[in-house]
Amino acid sequence: MQDLPHLYSVHATAAQDGYVSVKADDLSEIVTAPPAEFGGPGDKWSPESLLVASIADCFILTFRAVSRASKLDWANITCTAEGKLERIERNTQFTQITVKVTLIVPEGTDTEKAERLLHKSEEACLITNSLKASSHLEAIVQIA
């Protein structure tokens, strides 16, 4: 890892109507639109869906690092993140994040250790640590 601080720059462009183009250096363009809940077409990534996707993605990447450092072997992880959007004192904001994880581990794995590492990953997730919304992990560890 490079020394901190890191700087991440993303460029977004749009006309008065239509989609928004989001681009970062050396990365593929993402086309976004408002979600259906805000009158958008519902067929493109939205800022809301990208934020929640970032949580699921960050959780898995964090778990990879934590499990590697703790020498935990595993076969597969599935993560679903759900964000609850509400109006609080005239501001629309995410108020709750639920992360549902299923971890598949080989026979003979210490499942208590696996669950501890899932919770450690929740605590270390950079994206949820950067949000105002509360974060809650629901974890399932299964033997393959």
N, C-alpha and C. Protein backbone atom coordinates (compact mmCIF):
# COMPACT_ATOMS: atom_id res chain seq x y z
N MET A 1 0.85 -1.19 0.00
CA MET A 1 0.00 0.00 0.00
C MET A 1 0.88 1.24 0.00
N GLN A 2 0.46 2.24 -0.73
CA GLN A 2 1.16 3.51 -0.76
C GLN A 2 0.88 4.28 0.53
N ASP A 3 1.80 5.17 0.87
CA ASP A 3 1.60 6.01 2.05
C ASP A 3 0.36 6.89 1.87
N LEU A 4 -0.31 7.18 2.96
CA LEU A 4 -1.47 8.07 2.95
C LEU A 4 -1.00 9.51 3.05
N PRO A 5 -1.72 10.47 2.60
CA PRO A 5 -3.08 10.37 2.07
C PRO A 5 -3.09 9.92 0.60
N HIS A 6 -4.21 9.31 0.20
CA HIS A 6 -4.47 8.96 -1.19
C HIS A 6 -5.48 9.96 -1.73
N LEU A 7 -5.41 10.25 -2.99
CA LEU A 7 -6.38 11.15 -3.63
C LEU A 7 -7.06 10.40 -4.76
N TYR A 8 -8.38 10.38 -4.75
CA TYR A 8 -9.16 9.74 -5.80
C TYR A 8 -9.97 10.81 -6.51
N SER A 9 -9.81 10.90 -7.81
CA SER A 9 -10.47 11.93 -8.59
C SER A 9 -11.39 11.28 -9.63
N VAL A 10 -12.63 11.73 -9.65
CA VAL A 10 -13.62 11.24 -10.61
C VAL A 10 -14.21 12.45 -11.31
N HIS A 11 -14.45 12.31 -12.60
CA HIS A 11 -15.00 13.40 -13.41
C HIS A 11 -16.39 12.99 -13.89
N ALA A 12 -17.36 13.86 -13.72
CA ALA A 12 -18.72 13.62 -14.20
C ALA A 12 -19.13 14.74 -15.12
N THR A 13 -19.78 14.38 -16.23
CA THR A 13 -20.28 15.38 -17.17
C THR A 13 -21.69 15.01 -17.59
N ALA A 14 -22.49 16.04 -17.91
CA ALA A 14 -23.86 15.81 -18.35
C ALA A 14 -24.38 17.04 -19.07
N ALA A 15 -25.38 16.84 -19.89
CA ALA A 15 -26.14 17.93 -20.48
C ALA A 15 -27.33 18.21 -19.57
N GLN A 16 -28.16 19.17 -19.96
CA GLN A 16 -29.30 19.53 -19.13
C GLN A 16 -30.24 18.33 -18.91
N ASP A 17 -30.40 17.50 -19.92
CA ASP A 17 -31.23 16.30 -19.82
C ASP A 17 -30.39 15.09 -20.19
N GLY A 18 -30.83 13.92 -19.77
CA GLY A 18 -30.16 12.69 -20.16
C GLY A 18 -29.25 12.14 -19.07
N TYR A 19 -28.40 11.26 -19.50
CA TYR A 19 -27.54 10.54 -18.57
C TYR A 19 -26.33 11.36 -18.15
N VAL A 20 -25.70 10.91 -17.07
CA VAL A 20 -24.45 11.49 -16.58
C VAL A 20 -23.34 10.51 -16.92
N SER A 21 -22.23 11.00 -17.40
CA SER A 21 -21.06 10.17 -17.69
C SER A 21 -20.05 10.37 -16.57
N VAL A 22 -19.66 9.26 -15.93
CA VAL A 22 -18.71 9.31 -14.83
C VAL A 22 -17.45 8.58 -15.28
N LYS A 23 -16.29 9.22 -15.09
CA LYS A 23 -15.03 8.67 -15.57
C LYS A 23 -13.92 9.00 -14.59
N ALA A 24 -13.00 8.07 -14.47
CA ALA A 24 -11.78 8.29 -13.70
C ALA A 24 -10.62 7.85 -14.58
N ASP A 25 -9.45 8.42 -14.36
CA ASP A 25 -8.29 8.07 -15.17
C ASP A 25 -8.10 6.56 -15.23
N ASP A 26 -7.88 6.05 -16.43
CA ASP A 26 -7.59 4.63 -16.67
C ASP A 26 -8.72 3.69 -16.28
N LEU A 27 -9.94 4.19 -16.08
CA LEU A 27 -11.08 3.34 -15.76
C LEU A 27 -12.17 3.52 -16.81
N SER A 28 -12.99 2.48 -16.96
CA SER A 28 -14.09 2.55 -17.91
C SER A 28 -15.13 3.57 -17.46
N GLU A 29 -15.76 4.18 -18.42
CA GLU A 29 -16.84 5.12 -18.16
C GLU A 29 -18.05 4.38 -17.58
N ILE A 30 -18.73 5.04 -16.66
CA ILE A 30 -20.00 4.55 -16.14
C ILE A 30 -21.06 5.59 -16.49
N VAL A 31 -22.17 5.13 -17.03
CA VAL A 31 -23.28 6.02 -17.36
C VAL A 31 -24.31 5.87 -16.25
N THR A 32 -24.71 7.01 -15.67
CA THR A 32 -25.65 6.99 -14.55
C THR A 32 -26.89 7.81 -14.84
N ALA A 33 -27.89 7.60 -14.02
CA ALA A 33 -29.14 8.35 -14.10
C ALA A 33 -29.80 8.30 -12.73
N PRO A 34 -30.77 9.15 -12.49
CA PRO A 34 -31.48 9.05 -11.22
C PRO A 34 -32.18 7.68 -11.13
N PRO A 35 -32.33 7.15 -9.91
CA PRO A 35 -33.06 5.89 -9.77
C PRO A 35 -34.56 6.11 -10.01
N ALA A 36 -35.27 5.03 -10.23
CA ALA A 36 -36.72 5.11 -10.47
C ALA A 36 -37.43 5.83 -9.32
N GLU A 37 -36.92 5.65 -8.09
CA GLU A 37 -37.54 6.27 -6.92
C GLU A 37 -37.52 7.80 -7.00
N PHE A 38 -36.59 8.35 -7.78
CA PHE A 38 -36.51 9.80 -7.97
C PHE A 38 -36.96 10.23 -9.36
N GLY A 39 -37.75 9.38 -10.03
CA GLY A 39 -38.28 9.72 -11.33
C GLY A 39 -37.36 9.40 -12.49
N GLY A 40 -36.27 8.71 -12.23
CA GLY A 40 -35.35 8.31 -13.29
C GLY A 40 -35.82 7.06 -13.99
N PRO A 41 -35.08 6.64 -15.03
CA PRO A 41 -35.50 5.49 -15.81
C PRO A 41 -35.36 4.16 -15.07
N GLY A 42 -34.48 4.09 -14.09
CA GLY A 42 -34.31 2.86 -13.33
C GLY A 42 -33.51 1.79 -14.05
N ASP A 43 -32.90 2.14 -15.19
CA ASP A 43 -32.15 1.14 -15.96
C ASP A 43 -30.64 1.43 -15.99
N LYS A 44 -30.19 2.38 -15.19
CA LYS A 44 -28.77 2.74 -15.13
C LYS A 44 -28.35 2.79 -13.66
N TRP A 45 -27.03 2.68 -13.46
CA TRP A 45 -26.51 2.90 -12.10
C TRP A 45 -26.85 4.33 -11.69
N SER A 46 -27.16 4.50 -10.41
CA SER A 46 -27.45 5.82 -9.85
C SER A 46 -26.43 6.10 -8.76
N PRO A 47 -26.32 7.34 -8.31
CA PRO A 47 -25.43 7.61 -7.17
C PRO A 47 -25.78 6.75 -5.97
N GLU A 48 -27.07 6.53 -5.75
CA GLU A 48 -27.50 5.72 -4.61
C GLU A 48 -27.05 4.27 -4.76
N SER A 49 -27.27 3.69 -5.95
CA SER A 49 -26.86 2.29 -6.15
C SER A 49 -25.34 2.16 -6.15
N LEU A 50 -24.63 3.15 -6.67
CA LEU A 50 -23.16 3.11 -6.65
C LEU A 50 -22.62 3.17 -5.22
N LEU A 51 -23.25 3.99 -4.38
CA LEU A 51 -22.81 4.07 -2.99
C LEU A 51 -23.00 2.74 -2.28
N VAL A 52 -24.16 2.14 -2.44
CA VAL A 52 -24.43 0.86 -1.78
C VAL A 52 -23.54 -0.24 -2.38
N ALA A 53 -23.31 -0.21 -3.69
CA ALA A 53 -22.39 -1.18 -4.32
C ALA A 53 -20.98 -1.01 -3.76
N SER A 54 -20.57 0.21 -3.51
CA SER A 54 -19.25 0.46 -2.93
C SER A 54 -19.10 -0.20 -1.57
N ILE A 55 -20.17 -0.22 -0.80
CA ILE A 55 -20.14 -0.85 0.52
C ILE A 55 -19.91 -2.36 0.38
N ALA A 56 -20.69 -3.00 -0.50
CA ALA A 56 -20.54 -4.45 -0.69
C ALA A 56 -19.15 -4.79 -1.23
N ASP A 57 -18.70 -4.04 -2.19
CA ASP A 57 -17.38 -4.26 -2.79
C ASP A 57 -16.27 -4.06 -1.77
N CYS A 58 -16.34 -2.98 -1.01
CA CYS A 58 -15.33 -2.69 0.00
C CYS A 58 -15.31 -3.76 1.08
N PHE A 59 -16.49 -4.25 1.46
CA PHE A 59 -16.53 -5.29 2.48
C PHE A 59 -15.77 -6.53 2.01
N ILE A 60 -16.03 -6.96 0.77
CA ILE A 60 -15.36 -8.16 0.25
C ILE A 60 -13.86 -7.94 0.15
N LEU A 61 -13.44 -6.80 -0.36
CA LEU A 61 -12.00 -6.52 -0.48
C LEU A 61 -11.33 -6.45 0.89
N THR A 62 -12.04 -5.88 1.86
CA THR A 62 -11.50 -5.82 3.22
C THR A 62 -11.40 -7.22 3.81
N PHE A 63 -12.44 -8.04 3.59
CA PHE A 63 -12.40 -9.41 4.10
C PHE A 63 -11.25 -10.20 3.47
N ARG A 64 -11.02 -10.01 2.19
CA ARG A 64 -9.88 -10.69 1.56
C ARG A 64 -8.58 -10.38 2.30
N ALA A 65 -8.36 -9.12 2.59
CA ALA A 65 -7.13 -8.71 3.26
C ALA A 65 -7.07 -9.25 4.68
N VAL A 66 -8.18 -9.16 5.41
CA VAL A 66 -8.22 -9.62 6.80
C VAL A 66 -8.04 -11.13 6.86
N SER A 67 -8.72 -11.86 5.99
CA SER A 67 -8.61 -13.33 6.01
C SER A 67 -7.23 -13.79 5.58
N ARG A 68 -6.62 -13.10 4.63
CA ARG A 68 -5.25 -13.43 4.20
C ARG A 68 -4.27 -13.22 5.36
N ALA A 69 -4.39 -12.10 6.05
CA ALA A 69 -3.50 -11.81 7.18
C ALA A 69 -3.71 -12.80 8.33
N SER A 70 -4.93 -13.34 8.45
CA SER A 70 -5.25 -14.27 9.53
C SER A 70 -5.15 -15.73 9.08
N LYS A 71 -4.72 -15.93 7.84
CA LYS A 71 -4.54 -17.27 7.29
C LYS A 71 -5.80 -18.13 7.36
N LEU A 72 -6.92 -17.52 6.98
CA LEU A 72 -8.18 -18.25 6.90
C LEU A 72 -8.44 -18.62 5.45
N ASP A 73 -8.58 -19.91 5.17
CA ASP A 73 -8.94 -20.36 3.83
C ASP A 73 -10.46 -20.32 3.69
N TRP A 74 -10.92 -19.91 2.52
CA TRP A 74 -12.35 -19.87 2.24
C TRP A 74 -12.54 -20.08 0.75
N ALA A 75 -13.75 -20.49 0.38
CA ALA A 75 -14.03 -20.82 -1.01
C ALA A 75 -14.77 -19.71 -1.75
N ASN A 76 -15.73 -19.08 -1.08
CA ASN A 76 -16.56 -18.09 -1.76
C ASN A 76 -17.21 -17.19 -0.74
N ILE A 77 -17.43 -15.94 -1.15
CA ILE A 77 -18.16 -15.00 -0.31
C ILE A 77 -19.19 -14.28 -1.17
N THR A 78 -20.39 -14.12 -0.63
CA THR A 78 -21.45 -13.37 -1.29
C THR A 78 -21.88 -12.27 -0.33
N CYS A 79 -21.97 -11.05 -0.86
CA CYS A 79 -22.30 -9.91 -0.02
C CYS A 79 -23.42 -9.11 -0.67
N THR A 80 -24.47 -8.87 0.08
CA THR A 80 -25.56 -8.00 -0.36
C THR A 80 -25.62 -6.83 0.61
N ALA A 81 -25.57 -5.64 0.08
CA ALA A 81 -25.69 -4.44 0.91
C ALA A 81 -27.02 -3.77 0.59
N GLU A 82 -27.69 -3.32 1.63
CA GLU A 82 -28.95 -2.60 1.48
C GLU A 82 -28.85 -1.28 2.22
N GLY A 83 -29.19 -0.20 1.54
CA GLY A 83 -29.15 1.12 2.16
C GLY A 83 -30.55 1.69 2.29
N LYS A 84 -30.87 2.18 3.46
CA LYS A 84 -32.19 2.77 3.72
C LYS A 84 -32.05 4.28 3.61
N LEU A 85 -32.82 4.88 2.69
CA LEU A 85 -32.79 6.31 2.45
C LEU A 85 -34.04 6.94 3.07
N GLU A 86 -33.84 7.96 3.88
CA GLU A 86 -34.95 8.63 4.55
C GLU A 86 -34.74 10.14 4.55
N ARG A 87 -35.80 10.84 4.90
CA ARG A 87 -35.72 12.29 5.07
C ARG A 87 -35.62 12.56 6.56
N ILE A 88 -34.51 13.20 6.96
CA ILE A 88 -34.26 13.55 8.36
C ILE A 88 -34.04 15.06 8.42
N GLU A 89 -34.92 15.76 9.14
CA GLU A 89 -34.81 17.21 9.29
C GLU A 89 -34.55 17.91 7.96
N ARG A 90 -35.38 17.64 6.98
CA ARG A 90 -35.34 18.26 5.65
C ARG A 90 -34.13 17.86 4.81
N ASN A 91 -33.38 16.86 5.24
CA ASN A 91 -32.26 16.34 4.46
C ASN A 91 -32.52 14.88 4.12
N THR A 92 -32.33 14.54 2.85
CA THR A 92 -32.44 13.15 2.44
C THR A 92 -31.07 12.51 2.62
N GLN A 93 -31.05 11.39 3.35
CA GLN A 93 -29.76 10.74 3.62
C GLN A 93 -29.96 9.26 3.90
N PHE A 94 -28.89 8.50 3.71
CA PHE A 94 -28.91 7.10 4.11
C PHE A 94 -28.84 7.06 5.64
N THR A 95 -29.75 6.32 6.24
CA THR A 95 -29.81 6.24 7.69
C THR A 95 -29.39 4.88 8.23
N GLN A 96 -29.41 3.88 7.37
CA GLN A 96 -29.02 2.55 7.82
C GLN A 96 -28.47 1.75 6.65
N ILE A 97 -27.42 1.01 6.93
CA ILE A 97 -26.82 0.11 5.96
C ILE A 97 -26.85 -1.29 6.58
N THR A 98 -27.37 -2.25 5.84
CA THR A 98 -27.32 -3.64 6.28
C THR A 98 -26.47 -4.41 5.27
N VAL A 99 -25.49 -5.11 5.79
CA VAL A 99 -24.60 -5.92 4.96
C VAL A 99 -24.88 -7.37 5.30
N LYS A 100 -25.34 -8.13 4.30
CA LYS A 100 -25.64 -9.55 4.48
C LYS A 100 -24.56 -10.35 3.77
N VAL A 101 -23.88 -11.20 4.51
CA VAL A 101 -22.74 -11.94 3.97
C VAL A 101 -22.93 -13.43 4.20
N THR A 102 -22.65 -14.20 3.16
CA THR A 102 -22.56 -15.65 3.29
C THR A 102 -21.15 -16.04 2.88
N LEU A 103 -20.47 -16.71 3.77
CA LEU A 103 -19.09 -17.15 3.55
C LEU A 103 -19.07 -18.67 3.50
N ILE A 104 -18.52 -19.21 2.43
CA ILE A 104 -18.37 -20.66 2.29
C ILE A 104 -16.93 -21.01 2.61
N VAL A 105 -16.77 -21.92 3.57
CA VAL A 105 -15.43 -22.33 4.03
C VAL A 105 -15.28 -23.84 3.88
N PRO A 106 -14.04 -24.32 3.77
CA PRO A 106 -13.82 -25.77 3.66
C PRO A 106 -14.15 -26.50 4.96
N GLU A 107 -14.40 -27.79 4.83
CA GLU A 107 -14.62 -28.67 5.97
C GLU A 107 -13.45 -28.53 6.94
N GLY A 108 -13.75 -28.49 8.23
CA GLY A 108 -12.71 -28.40 9.25
C GLY A 108 -12.30 -26.99 9.60
N THR A 109 -12.90 -25.99 8.96
CA THR A 109 -12.57 -24.59 9.26
C THR A 109 -13.16 -24.19 10.60
N ASP A 110 -12.44 -23.39 11.33
CA ASP A 110 -12.92 -22.83 12.59
C ASP A 110 -13.95 -21.74 12.24
N THR A 111 -15.25 -22.08 12.34
CA THR A 111 -16.29 -21.15 11.92
C THR A 111 -16.40 -19.95 12.85
N GLU A 112 -16.04 -20.11 14.12
CA GLU A 112 -16.05 -18.97 15.03
C GLU A 112 -14.98 -17.95 14.61
N LYS A 113 -13.81 -18.43 14.22
CA LYS A 113 -12.76 -17.54 13.71
C LYS A 113 -13.24 -16.84 12.45
N ALA A 114 -13.89 -17.59 11.55
CA ALA A 114 -14.39 -17.00 10.31
C ALA A 114 -15.38 -15.88 10.61
N GLU A 115 -16.29 -16.11 11.55
CA GLU A 115 -17.27 -15.08 11.90
C GLU A 115 -16.59 -13.88 12.55
N ARG A 116 -15.60 -14.11 13.41
CA ARG A 116 -14.85 -12.99 14.01
C ARG A 116 -14.20 -12.14 12.91
N LEU A 117 -13.64 -12.80 11.90
CA LEU A 117 -12.97 -12.06 10.83
C LEU A 117 -13.97 -11.30 9.97
N LEU A 118 -15.18 -11.83 9.81
CA LEU A 118 -16.22 -11.08 9.10
C LEU A 118 -16.56 -9.80 9.86
N HIS A 119 -16.70 -9.91 11.17
CA HIS A 119 -17.01 -8.72 11.98
C HIS A 119 -15.84 -7.75 12.01
N LYS A 120 -14.63 -8.27 12.04
CA LYS A 120 -13.45 -7.41 11.96
C LYS A 120 -13.43 -6.65 10.64
N SER A 121 -13.84 -7.31 9.57
CA SER A 121 -13.90 -6.67 8.25
C SER A 121 -14.94 -5.56 8.22
N GLU A 122 -16.08 -5.79 8.89
CA GLU A 122 -17.10 -4.74 8.97
C GLU A 122 -16.53 -3.50 9.66
N GLU A 123 -15.82 -3.73 10.76
CA GLU A 123 -15.24 -2.61 11.51
C GLU A 123 -14.16 -1.88 10.73
N ALA A 124 -13.47 -2.59 9.84
CA ALA A 124 -12.35 -2.00 9.10
C ALA A 124 -12.75 -1.45 7.73
N CYS A 125 -14.00 -1.65 7.31
CA CYS A 125 -14.42 -1.24 5.97
C CYS A 125 -14.35 0.28 5.83
N LEU A 126 -13.51 0.72 4.94
CA LEU A 126 -13.26 2.15 4.73
C LEU A 126 -14.52 2.90 4.30
N ILE A 127 -15.35 2.30 3.47
CA ILE A 127 -16.54 3.00 2.97
C ILE A 127 -17.56 3.20 4.09
N THR A 128 -17.90 2.15 4.83
CA THR A 128 -18.88 2.33 5.91
C THR A 128 -18.32 3.22 7.01
N ASN A 129 -17.01 3.18 7.24
CA ASN A 129 -16.41 4.08 8.23
C ASN A 129 -16.47 5.54 7.79
N SER A 130 -16.70 5.77 6.52
CA SER A 130 -16.74 7.13 5.98
C SER A 130 -18.15 7.70 5.90
N LEU A 131 -19.14 6.93 6.26
CA LEU A 131 -20.54 7.35 6.15
C LEU A 131 -21.13 7.72 7.49
N LYS A 132 -22.15 8.59 7.46
CA LYS A 132 -22.90 8.94 8.66
C LYS A 132 -23.85 7.83 9.07
N ALA A 133 -24.34 7.08 8.11
CA ALA A 133 -25.34 6.06 8.39
C ALA A 133 -24.77 4.97 9.28
N SER A 134 -25.61 4.43 10.13
CA SER A 134 -25.17 3.29 10.93
C SER A 134 -24.98 2.09 10.02
N SER A 135 -24.14 1.19 10.43
CA SER A 135 -23.85 0.00 9.64
C SER A 135 -24.09 -1.23 10.49
N HIS A 136 -24.70 -2.24 9.90
CA HIS A 136 -25.02 -3.47 10.62
C HIS A 136 -24.70 -4.66 9.72
N LEU A 137 -23.98 -5.63 10.26
CA LEU A 137 -23.58 -6.82 9.52
C LEU A 137 -24.45 -8.00 9.91
N GLU A 138 -24.98 -8.73 8.89
CA GLU A 138 -25.63 -10.00 9.11
C GLU A 138 -24.79 -11.04 8.39
N ALA A 139 -24.13 -11.92 9.13
CA ALA A 139 -23.16 -12.85 8.55
C ALA A 139 -23.63 -14.29 8.67
N ILE A 140 -23.37 -15.07 7.63
CA ILE A 140 -23.63 -16.51 7.63
C ILE A 140 -22.35 -17.19 7.18
N VAL A 141 -21.88 -18.17 7.94
CA VAL A 141 -20.73 -18.96 7.55
C VAL A 141 -21.22 -20.37 7.31
N GLN A 142 -20.95 -20.93 6.12
CA GLN A 142 -21.39 -22.26 5.79
C GLN A 142 -20.20 -23.14 5.44
N ILE A 143 -20.31 -24.40 5.76
CA ILE A 143 -19.31 -25.39 5.37
C ILE A 143 -19.64 -25.85 3.97
N ALA A 144 -18.61 -25.94 3.12
CA ALA A 144 -18.83 -26.36 1.72
C ALA A 144 -19.31 -27.79 1.66
